[in-house]
């Protein structure tokens, strides 16, 4: 699966955690999927959620519908809708978010706006998620390394 990051390799084969690419898609389509939901899905469903495209409004709608269908089929826990940010920070290559800058400084990395501009939206999303205070941040530095920043 090409769209999984190297820093996620410890769970890629089993997909026992929700990978960044799926989390990116969840934020894009406005759905809160819990790990408990994810772990009730069979492996083929998890792989489908990793691989399904979400590049057009139609694909986003299809993905969202699939999520609801899978949860209805495999889980008793209802999904929650999330607000969709019309201008998410990972799509803004011209502004380095403070949380990412601060986390980079904490790990001794000088992250510049040029670095940020050169990242893909998915890479920027990953750094944003990995820099949140509520997140286990052990993969922040490996992500910087993978993204050729260090």
N, C-alpha and C. Protein backbone atom coordinates (compact mmCIF):
# COMPACT_ATOMS: atom_id res chain seq x y z
N UNK A 1 0.84 -1.17 0.00
CA UNK A 1 0.00 0.00 0.00
C UNK A 1 0.89 1.24 0.00
N UNK A 2 0.95 1.87 -1.13
CA UNK A 2 1.87 2.98 -1.37
C UNK A 2 1.63 4.20 -0.49
N UNK A 3 0.41 4.43 -0.07
CA UNK A 3 0.10 5.67 0.61
C UNK A 3 0.23 5.58 2.14
N UNK A 4 0.94 4.58 2.62
CA UNK A 4 1.22 4.48 4.05
C UNK A 4 2.65 4.94 4.29
N UNK A 5 2.87 5.60 5.40
CA UNK A 5 4.19 6.14 5.70
C UNK A 5 5.08 5.08 6.34
N UNK A 6 6.38 5.25 6.16
CA UNK A 6 7.37 4.36 6.77
C UNK A 6 7.26 4.39 8.29
N UNK A 7 7.00 5.56 8.88
CA UNK A 7 6.93 5.64 10.34
C UNK A 7 5.74 4.88 10.89
N UNK A 8 4.85 4.41 10.03
CA UNK A 8 3.70 3.60 10.45
C UNK A 8 3.96 2.10 10.27
N UNK A 9 5.15 1.73 9.90
CA UNK A 9 5.45 0.34 9.55
C UNK A 9 5.18 -0.66 10.68
N UNK A 10 5.23 -0.22 11.92
CA UNK A 10 5.01 -1.16 13.02
C UNK A 10 3.59 -1.70 13.06
N UNK A 11 2.65 -1.09 12.34
CA UNK A 11 1.28 -1.62 12.32
C UNK A 11 0.69 -1.74 10.92
N UNK A 12 1.50 -1.56 9.89
CA UNK A 12 0.99 -1.57 8.52
C UNK A 12 0.42 -2.92 8.10
N UNK A 13 1.11 -3.99 8.41
CA UNK A 13 0.62 -5.30 7.96
C UNK A 13 -0.74 -5.64 8.54
N UNK A 14 -0.91 -5.41 9.83
CA UNK A 14 -2.17 -5.77 10.47
C UNK A 14 -3.20 -4.65 10.38
N UNK A 15 -2.73 -3.44 10.14
CA UNK A 15 -3.61 -2.26 10.15
C UNK A 15 -4.43 -2.20 11.44
N UNK A 16 -3.78 -2.48 12.58
CA UNK A 16 -4.51 -2.44 13.84
C UNK A 16 -4.69 -1.02 14.38
N UNK A 17 -4.02 -0.06 13.77
CA UNK A 17 -4.24 1.36 14.08
C UNK A 17 -4.73 2.05 12.80
N UNK A 18 -5.38 3.16 12.98
CA UNK A 18 -5.87 3.91 11.82
C UNK A 18 -4.70 4.69 11.22
N UNK A 19 -4.31 4.38 9.99
CA UNK A 19 -3.17 5.08 9.40
C UNK A 19 -3.50 6.53 9.04
N UNK A 20 -2.46 7.33 8.90
CA UNK A 20 -2.62 8.75 8.60
C UNK A 20 -3.46 9.00 7.36
N UNK A 21 -3.29 8.20 6.34
CA UNK A 21 -4.04 8.44 5.11
C UNK A 21 -5.54 8.31 5.36
N UNK A 22 -5.95 7.39 6.22
CA UNK A 22 -7.37 7.24 6.54
C UNK A 22 -7.81 8.39 7.44
N UNK A 23 -6.98 8.78 8.37
CA UNK A 23 -7.32 9.91 9.23
C UNK A 23 -7.49 11.19 8.40
N UNK A 24 -6.64 11.34 7.40
CA UNK A 24 -6.74 12.47 6.46
C UNK A 24 -8.10 12.43 5.75
N UNK A 25 -8.48 11.26 5.30
CA UNK A 25 -9.75 11.10 4.60
C UNK A 25 -10.93 11.35 5.53
N UNK A 26 -10.82 10.91 6.78
CA UNK A 26 -11.88 11.13 7.76
C UNK A 26 -12.08 12.63 8.00
N UNK A 27 -10.99 13.35 8.16
CA UNK A 27 -11.11 14.80 8.36
C UNK A 27 -11.67 15.48 7.12
N UNK A 28 -11.32 14.97 5.96
CA UNK A 28 -11.80 15.54 4.70
C UNK A 28 -13.30 15.34 4.50
N UNK A 29 -13.79 14.17 4.92
CA UNK A 29 -15.22 13.89 4.72
C UNK A 29 -16.05 14.17 5.97
N UNK A 30 -15.43 14.59 7.06
CA UNK A 30 -16.15 15.00 8.25
C UNK A 30 -16.75 13.88 9.07
N UNK A 31 -15.96 12.81 9.28
CA UNK A 31 -16.45 11.68 10.06
C UNK A 31 -15.46 11.36 11.17
N UNK A 32 -15.99 11.13 12.38
CA UNK A 32 -15.18 10.70 13.52
C UNK A 32 -15.30 9.18 13.62
N UNK A 33 -14.24 8.49 13.24
CA UNK A 33 -14.19 7.04 13.32
C UNK A 33 -13.28 6.67 14.48
N UNK A 34 -13.78 5.91 15.40
CA UNK A 34 -12.99 5.51 16.56
C UNK A 34 -12.18 4.25 16.24
N UNK A 35 -11.12 4.08 17.01
CA UNK A 35 -10.30 2.87 16.86
C UNK A 35 -11.15 1.63 17.10
N UNK A 36 -12.11 1.74 17.97
CA UNK A 36 -13.01 0.62 18.24
C UNK A 36 -13.80 0.23 16.98
N UNK A 37 -14.24 1.21 16.21
CA UNK A 37 -14.90 0.92 14.93
C UNK A 37 -13.91 0.19 14.00
N UNK A 38 -12.75 0.83 13.85
CA UNK A 38 -11.72 0.36 12.94
C UNK A 38 -11.37 -1.11 13.21
N UNK A 39 -11.21 -1.45 14.47
CA UNK A 39 -10.80 -2.81 14.82
C UNK A 39 -11.91 -3.84 14.64
N UNK A 40 -13.13 -3.39 14.44
CA UNK A 40 -14.22 -4.31 14.15
C UNK A 40 -14.34 -4.60 12.65
N UNK A 41 -13.68 -3.80 11.84
CA UNK A 41 -13.72 -4.03 10.39
C UNK A 41 -12.79 -5.18 10.01
N UNK A 42 -13.21 -6.01 9.06
CA UNK A 42 -12.28 -7.02 8.55
C UNK A 42 -11.12 -6.35 7.79
N UNK A 43 -10.06 -7.08 7.64
CA UNK A 43 -8.85 -6.56 6.99
C UNK A 43 -9.15 -5.99 5.60
N UNK A 44 -9.97 -6.66 4.82
CA UNK A 44 -10.24 -6.19 3.45
C UNK A 44 -10.96 -4.84 3.46
N UNK A 45 -11.80 -4.60 4.47
CA UNK A 45 -12.48 -3.31 4.59
C UNK A 45 -11.47 -2.22 4.96
N UNK A 46 -10.58 -2.53 5.88
CA UNK A 46 -9.54 -1.57 6.26
C UNK A 46 -8.69 -1.20 5.05
N UNK A 47 -8.31 -2.22 4.27
CA UNK A 47 -7.50 -1.96 3.08
C UNK A 47 -8.27 -1.10 2.07
N UNK A 48 -9.56 -1.36 1.94
CA UNK A 48 -10.38 -0.56 1.03
C UNK A 48 -10.42 0.90 1.48
N UNK A 49 -10.54 1.12 2.78
CA UNK A 49 -10.57 2.49 3.29
C UNK A 49 -9.23 3.19 3.11
N UNK A 50 -8.15 2.44 3.14
CA UNK A 50 -6.83 3.01 2.87
C UNK A 50 -6.71 3.38 1.39
N UNK A 51 -7.19 2.51 0.53
CA UNK A 51 -6.93 2.66 -0.91
C UNK A 51 -7.95 3.48 -1.68
N UNK A 52 -9.18 3.57 -1.19
CA UNK A 52 -10.19 4.31 -1.95
C UNK A 52 -9.77 5.76 -2.14
N UNK A 53 -9.91 6.26 -3.37
CA UNK A 53 -9.54 7.65 -3.64
C UNK A 53 -10.55 8.63 -3.06
N UNK A 54 -10.07 9.83 -2.80
CA UNK A 54 -10.93 10.93 -2.34
C UNK A 54 -10.42 12.23 -2.95
N UNK A 55 -10.41 12.29 -4.26
CA UNK A 55 -9.87 13.46 -4.94
C UNK A 55 -10.94 14.41 -5.46
N UNK A 56 -12.17 13.94 -5.53
CA UNK A 56 -13.25 14.76 -6.06
C UNK A 56 -14.39 14.82 -5.04
N UNK A 57 -15.26 15.80 -5.15
CA UNK A 57 -16.42 15.83 -4.25
C UNK A 57 -17.25 14.53 -4.30
N UNK A 58 -17.37 13.95 -5.47
CA UNK A 58 -18.11 12.69 -5.61
C UNK A 58 -17.43 11.56 -4.84
N UNK A 59 -16.10 11.45 -4.95
CA UNK A 59 -15.36 10.42 -4.23
C UNK A 59 -15.44 10.62 -2.72
N UNK A 60 -15.46 11.87 -2.28
CA UNK A 60 -15.60 12.17 -0.85
C UNK A 60 -16.96 11.69 -0.35
N UNK A 61 -18.00 11.96 -1.13
CA UNK A 61 -19.35 11.52 -0.78
C UNK A 61 -19.44 10.00 -0.74
N UNK A 62 -18.83 9.34 -1.71
CA UNK A 62 -18.83 7.88 -1.76
C UNK A 62 -18.09 7.31 -0.55
N UNK A 63 -16.95 7.89 -0.21
CA UNK A 63 -16.15 7.42 0.93
C UNK A 63 -16.95 7.55 2.22
N UNK A 64 -17.58 8.68 2.40
CA UNK A 64 -18.39 8.91 3.60
C UNK A 64 -19.52 7.89 3.69
N UNK A 65 -20.18 7.62 2.58
CA UNK A 65 -21.26 6.62 2.54
C UNK A 65 -20.73 5.23 2.88
N UNK A 66 -19.56 4.90 2.35
CA UNK A 66 -18.93 3.61 2.65
C UNK A 66 -18.67 3.47 4.15
N UNK A 67 -18.15 4.52 4.76
CA UNK A 67 -17.89 4.48 6.19
C UNK A 67 -19.16 4.16 6.97
N UNK A 68 -20.24 4.85 6.64
CA UNK A 68 -21.50 4.61 7.34
C UNK A 68 -22.01 3.20 7.09
N UNK A 69 -21.85 2.72 5.88
CA UNK A 69 -22.29 1.36 5.56
C UNK A 69 -21.46 0.33 6.32
N UNK A 70 -20.15 0.50 6.36
CA UNK A 70 -19.28 -0.44 7.07
C UNK A 70 -19.57 -0.45 8.57
N UNK A 71 -19.79 0.72 9.14
CA UNK A 71 -20.10 0.78 10.57
C UNK A 71 -21.45 0.12 10.84
N UNK A 72 -22.40 0.34 9.97
CA UNK A 72 -23.72 -0.30 10.13
C UNK A 72 -23.58 -1.83 10.06
N UNK A 73 -22.70 -2.29 9.19
CA UNK A 73 -22.52 -3.73 8.97
C UNK A 73 -21.70 -4.40 10.07
N UNK A 74 -20.68 -3.72 10.59
CA UNK A 74 -19.71 -4.38 11.47
C UNK A 74 -19.68 -3.87 12.91
N UNK A 75 -20.40 -2.82 13.23
CA UNK A 75 -20.29 -2.24 14.56
C UNK A 75 -21.66 -1.80 15.08
N UNK A 76 -21.79 -1.76 16.37
CA UNK A 76 -23.02 -1.28 17.00
C UNK A 76 -22.87 0.17 17.47
N UNK A 77 -21.68 0.72 17.32
CA UNK A 77 -21.39 2.08 17.79
C UNK A 77 -21.61 3.07 16.64
N UNK A 78 -22.50 4.03 16.82
CA UNK A 78 -22.75 4.98 15.73
C UNK A 78 -21.56 5.92 15.49
N UNK A 79 -21.43 6.33 14.26
CA UNK A 79 -20.41 7.31 13.90
C UNK A 79 -20.87 8.70 14.31
N UNK A 80 -19.92 9.59 14.43
CA UNK A 80 -20.23 11.00 14.68
C UNK A 80 -19.71 11.82 13.52
N UNK A 81 -20.48 12.84 13.18
CA UNK A 81 -20.03 13.78 12.16
C UNK A 81 -19.10 14.81 12.79
N UNK A 82 -18.14 15.25 12.01
CA UNK A 82 -17.23 16.31 12.42
C UNK A 82 -17.41 17.49 11.48
N UNK A 83 -17.20 18.69 11.97
CA UNK A 83 -17.24 19.83 11.05
C UNK A 83 -16.08 19.72 10.06
N UNK A 84 -16.34 20.11 8.85
CA UNK A 84 -15.30 20.08 7.81
C UNK A 84 -14.72 21.48 7.69
N UNK A 85 -13.43 21.57 7.85
CA UNK A 85 -12.73 22.85 7.73
C UNK A 85 -12.62 23.21 6.25
N UNK A 86 -13.16 24.34 5.88
CA UNK A 86 -13.09 24.79 4.48
C UNK A 86 -11.66 25.15 4.05
N UNK A 87 -10.84 25.51 5.03
CA UNK A 87 -9.45 25.90 4.75
C UNK A 87 -8.52 25.22 5.75
N UNK A 88 -8.40 23.89 5.64
CA UNK A 88 -7.55 23.18 6.61
C UNK A 88 -6.08 23.60 6.48
N UNK A 89 -5.38 23.66 7.59
CA UNK A 89 -4.00 24.15 7.57
C UNK A 89 -3.05 23.28 6.74
N UNK A 90 -3.36 22.02 6.55
CA UNK A 90 -2.48 21.17 5.75
C UNK A 90 -2.56 21.49 4.26
N UNK A 91 -3.59 22.21 3.86
CA UNK A 91 -3.69 22.63 2.46
C UNK A 91 -3.06 23.99 2.23
N UNK A 92 -2.66 24.66 3.30
CA UNK A 92 -2.03 25.97 3.19
C UNK A 92 -0.52 25.82 3.27
N UNK A 93 0.12 25.82 2.11
CA UNK A 93 1.57 25.65 2.05
C UNK A 93 2.31 26.94 2.37
N UNK A 94 1.59 28.05 2.54
CA UNK A 94 2.25 29.34 2.75
C UNK A 94 2.33 29.74 4.22
N UNK A 95 1.82 28.90 5.11
CA UNK A 95 1.88 29.23 6.54
C UNK A 95 2.21 27.98 7.35
N UNK A 96 3.34 28.03 8.01
CA UNK A 96 3.78 26.93 8.87
C UNK A 96 3.06 27.05 10.21
N UNK A 97 2.23 26.08 10.57
CA UNK A 97 1.49 26.16 11.83
C UNK A 97 2.40 26.20 13.06
N UNK A 98 1.99 26.98 14.04
CA UNK A 98 2.79 27.15 15.26
C UNK A 98 3.05 25.82 15.96
N UNK A 99 2.04 24.94 16.00
CA UNK A 99 2.21 23.66 16.71
C UNK A 99 3.30 22.81 16.07
N UNK A 100 3.38 22.85 14.75
CA UNK A 100 4.39 22.06 14.04
C UNK A 100 5.77 22.69 14.26
N UNK A 101 5.83 24.01 14.17
CA UNK A 101 7.10 24.72 14.40
C UNK A 101 7.61 24.45 15.81
N UNK A 102 6.72 24.53 16.78
CA UNK A 102 7.10 24.31 18.18
C UNK A 102 7.60 22.89 18.40
N UNK A 103 6.89 21.92 17.84
CA UNK A 103 7.30 20.51 18.01
C UNK A 103 8.65 20.27 17.34
N UNK A 104 8.86 20.87 16.17
CA UNK A 104 10.15 20.73 15.49
C UNK A 104 11.28 21.29 16.37
N UNK A 105 11.04 22.44 16.96
CA UNK A 105 12.05 23.03 17.84
C UNK A 105 12.33 22.13 19.04
N UNK A 106 11.27 21.51 19.58
CA UNK A 106 11.44 20.60 20.73
C UNK A 106 12.34 19.42 20.41
N UNK A 107 12.31 18.97 19.15
CA UNK A 107 13.15 17.83 18.76
C UNK A 107 14.45 18.29 18.09
N UNK A 108 14.72 19.61 18.16
CA UNK A 108 15.98 20.15 17.67
C UNK A 108 16.07 20.30 16.16
N UNK A 109 14.94 20.53 15.51
CA UNK A 109 14.93 20.66 14.05
C UNK A 109 14.48 22.06 13.67
N UNK A 110 15.22 22.66 12.75
CA UNK A 110 14.84 23.97 12.21
C UNK A 110 13.96 23.74 10.98
N UNK A 111 12.66 23.70 11.21
CA UNK A 111 11.69 23.50 10.14
C UNK A 111 11.36 24.85 9.54
N UNK A 112 11.60 25.00 8.25
CA UNK A 112 11.38 26.28 7.59
C UNK A 112 10.10 26.26 6.75
N UNK A 113 9.67 27.43 6.36
CA UNK A 113 8.51 27.53 5.48
C UNK A 113 8.79 26.82 4.16
N UNK A 114 10.02 26.87 3.70
CA UNK A 114 10.39 26.18 2.44
C UNK A 114 10.18 24.67 2.60
N UNK A 115 10.57 24.11 3.74
CA UNK A 115 10.30 22.69 3.99
C UNK A 115 8.80 22.43 3.89
N UNK A 116 8.02 23.24 4.59
CA UNK A 116 6.56 23.08 4.64
C UNK A 116 5.96 23.15 3.23
N UNK A 117 6.43 24.09 2.43
CA UNK A 117 5.93 24.26 1.06
C UNK A 117 6.19 23.02 0.20
N UNK A 118 7.31 22.35 0.46
CA UNK A 118 7.71 21.20 -0.35
C UNK A 118 7.00 19.90 0.02
N UNK A 119 6.26 19.92 1.11
CA UNK A 119 5.55 18.71 1.54
C UNK A 119 4.23 18.57 0.80
N UNK A 120 3.76 17.34 0.70
CA UNK A 120 2.43 17.10 0.15
C UNK A 120 1.39 17.44 1.21
N UNK A 121 0.14 17.65 0.82
CA UNK A 121 -0.89 17.88 1.84
C UNK A 121 -0.97 16.75 2.87
N UNK A 122 -0.81 15.51 2.44
CA UNK A 122 -0.86 14.38 3.38
C UNK A 122 0.31 14.44 4.36
N UNK A 123 1.48 14.80 3.89
CA UNK A 123 2.64 14.93 4.79
C UNK A 123 2.42 16.06 5.79
N UNK A 124 1.89 17.19 5.31
CA UNK A 124 1.61 18.31 6.22
C UNK A 124 0.56 17.89 7.25
N UNK A 125 -0.47 17.16 6.80
CA UNK A 125 -1.49 16.66 7.71
C UNK A 125 -0.85 15.79 8.80
N UNK A 126 0.03 14.90 8.39
CA UNK A 126 0.69 14.00 9.35
C UNK A 126 1.46 14.80 10.39
N UNK A 127 2.23 15.79 9.96
CA UNK A 127 2.99 16.59 10.92
C UNK A 127 2.08 17.37 11.85
N UNK A 128 0.98 17.86 11.33
CA UNK A 128 0.01 18.55 12.18
C UNK A 128 -0.54 17.61 13.25
N UNK A 129 -0.94 16.42 12.84
CA UNK A 129 -1.50 15.46 13.79
C UNK A 129 -0.44 15.01 14.80
N UNK A 130 0.77 14.81 14.32
CA UNK A 130 1.84 14.33 15.20
C UNK A 130 2.37 15.42 16.14
N UNK A 131 2.02 16.66 15.87
CA UNK A 131 2.50 17.76 16.73
C UNK A 131 1.48 18.18 17.77
N UNK A 132 0.30 17.60 17.73
CA UNK A 132 -0.75 17.97 18.70
C UNK A 132 -0.36 17.50 20.09
N UNK A 133 -0.60 18.34 21.09
CA UNK A 133 -0.24 17.96 22.46
C UNK A 133 -0.95 16.70 22.95
N UNK A 134 -2.13 16.43 22.43
CA UNK A 134 -2.89 15.28 22.89
C UNK A 134 -2.48 13.98 22.20
N UNK A 135 -1.55 14.06 21.27
CA UNK A 135 -1.15 12.90 20.48
C UNK A 135 0.18 12.36 21.00
N UNK A 136 0.33 11.05 20.92
CA UNK A 136 1.63 10.45 21.22
C UNK A 136 2.56 10.85 20.09
N UNK A 137 3.61 11.58 20.41
CA UNK A 137 4.43 12.23 19.39
C UNK A 137 5.70 11.48 19.01
N UNK A 138 5.78 10.20 19.31
CA UNK A 138 7.03 9.48 19.05
C UNK A 138 7.36 9.40 17.56
N UNK A 139 6.39 9.56 16.70
CA UNK A 139 6.64 9.46 15.26
C UNK A 139 6.92 10.80 14.59
N UNK A 140 6.92 11.89 15.35
CA UNK A 140 7.16 13.20 14.74
C UNK A 140 8.55 13.26 14.11
N UNK A 141 9.58 12.92 14.87
CA UNK A 141 10.94 12.97 14.32
C UNK A 141 11.11 11.97 13.18
N UNK A 142 10.66 10.70 13.32
CA UNK A 142 10.76 9.79 12.18
C UNK A 142 10.04 10.31 10.93
N UNK A 143 8.92 11.03 11.13
CA UNK A 143 8.22 11.61 9.98
C UNK A 143 9.08 12.69 9.33
N UNK A 144 9.70 13.53 10.14
CA UNK A 144 10.59 14.56 9.57
C UNK A 144 11.71 13.92 8.77
N UNK A 145 12.25 12.84 9.30
CA UNK A 145 13.31 12.12 8.59
C UNK A 145 12.79 11.53 7.28
N UNK A 146 11.63 10.90 7.35
CA UNK A 146 11.04 10.31 6.15
C UNK A 146 10.74 11.36 5.09
N UNK A 147 10.35 12.55 5.52
CA UNK A 147 10.00 13.62 4.59
C UNK A 147 11.21 14.43 4.14
N UNK A 148 12.42 13.92 4.46
CA UNK A 148 13.69 14.51 4.05
C UNK A 148 13.91 15.92 4.60
N UNK A 149 13.44 16.15 5.82
CA UNK A 149 13.66 17.44 6.47
C UNK A 149 14.90 17.37 7.35
N UNK A 150 15.17 16.18 7.90
CA UNK A 150 16.41 15.97 8.67
C UNK A 150 17.19 14.84 8.05
